[in-house]
C-alpha atoms as a PDB file:
ATOM      1  CA  MET A   1     115.123 132.120 202.737  1.00  0.00           C
ATOM      2  CA  GLU A   2     113.632 134.307 205.335  1.00  0.00           C
ATOM      3  CA  LYS A   3     113.246 133.702 209.023  1.00  0.00           C
ATOM      4  CA  SER A   4     112.302 135.939 211.889  1.00  0.00           C
ATOM      5  CA  GLU A   5     112.860 135.647 215.576  1.00  0.00           C
ATOM      6  CA  VAL A   6     110.927 137.053 218.492  1.00  0.00           C
ATOM      7  CA  ASN A   7     112.908 137.212 221.703  1.00  0.00           C
ATOM      8  CA  MET A   8     111.265 137.309 225.093  1.00  0.00           C
ATOM      9  CA  PRO A   9     113.051 136.672 228.379  1.00  0.00           C
ATOM     10  CA  GLY A  10     113.783 132.938 228.485  1.00  0.00           C
ATOM     11  CA  VAL A  11     111.754 132.183 225.326  1.00  0.00           C
ATOM     12  CA  ARG A  12     112.841 132.039 221.709  1.00  0.00           C
ATOM     13  CA  ILE A  13     110.146 131.757 219.065  1.00  0.00           C
ATOM     14  CA  MET A  14     111.144 131.359 215.442  1.00  0.00           C
ATOM     15  CA  SER A  15     108.762 131.584 212.549  1.00  0.00           C
ATOM     16  CA  VAL A  16     109.659 130.774 208.971  1.00  0.00           C
ATOM     17  CA  ASN A  17     107.878 131.458 205.740  1.00  0.00           C
ATOM     18  CA  ASN A  18     106.435 128.779 203.479  1.00  0.00           C
ATOM     19  CA  ALA A  19     109.221 129.064 200.878  1.00  0.00           C
ATOM     20  CA  PHE A  20     111.858 128.401 203.547  1.00  0.00           C
ATOM     21  CA  THR A  21     109.905 125.363 204.767  1.00  0.00           C
ATOM     22  CA  LEU A  22     109.509 123.914 201.272  1.00  0.00           C
ATOM     23  CA  LYS A  23     113.168 124.443 200.415  1.00  0.00           C
ATOM     24  CA  THR A  24     114.228 122.853 203.704  1.00  0.00           C
ATOM     25  CA  VAL A  25     112.118 119.750 203.057  1.00  0.00           C
ATOM     26  CA  GLN A  26     113.618 119.536 199.562  1.00  0.00           C
ATOM     27  CA  LEU A  27     117.167 119.829 200.925  1.00  0.00           C
ATOM     28  CA  VAL A  28     116.569 117.101 203.511  1.00  0.00           C
ATOM     29  CA  GLY A  29     115.109 114.778 200.878  1.00  0.00           C
ATOM     30  CA  GLU A  30     117.983 115.296 198.441  1.00  0.00           C
ATOM     31  CA  SER A  31     120.832 115.355 200.944  1.00  0.00           C
ATOM     32  CA  THR A  32     123.043 112.446 201.913  1.00  0.00           C
ATOM     33  CA  HIS A  33     123.695 114.219 205.222  1.00  0.00           C
ATOM     34  CA  PRO A  34     121.743 113.502 208.413  1.00  0.00           C
ATOM     35  CA  VAL A  35     118.701 115.693 209.043  1.00  0.00           C
ATOM     36  CA  ALA A  36     120.393 117.229 212.102  1.00  0.00           C
ATOM     37  CA  GLN A  37     123.367 118.320 209.965  1.00  0.00           C
ATOM     38  CA  VAL A  38     121.101 119.964 207.386  1.00  0.00           C
ATOM     39  CA  ALA A  39     119.347 121.834 210.207  1.00  0.00           C
ATOM     40  CA  ARG A  40     122.656 123.051 211.632  1.00  0.00           C
ATOM     41  CA  ASP A  41     123.820 124.129 208.152  1.00  0.00           C
ATOM     42  CA  LEU A  42     120.637 126.220 207.838  1.00  0.00           C
ATOM     43  CA  GLY A  43     121.115 127.759 211.285  1.00  0.00           C
ATOM     44  CA  ILE A  44     118.024 126.187 212.832  1.00  0.00           C
ATOM     45  CA  PRO A  45     117.821 123.887 215.852  1.00  0.00           C
ATOM     46  CA  ASP A  46     118.483 120.197 215.177  1.00  0.00           C
ATOM     47  CA  ASN A  47     115.087 119.228 216.526  1.00  0.00           C
ATOM     48  CA  ALA A  48     113.215 121.750 214.359  1.00  0.00           C
ATOM     49  CA  LEU A  49     112.968 119.338 211.433  1.00  0.00           C
END
């Protein structure tokens, strides 16, 4: 799972590759945990999913 961040003053932009996105969707669908918890476990913002 690969992610990259671009930091500018006051702005944080995160881009993820397609494999990371697909795996994340799969994890959310298979998990019994809330979506926000899965996001936190992956190190991405809760509202990113």
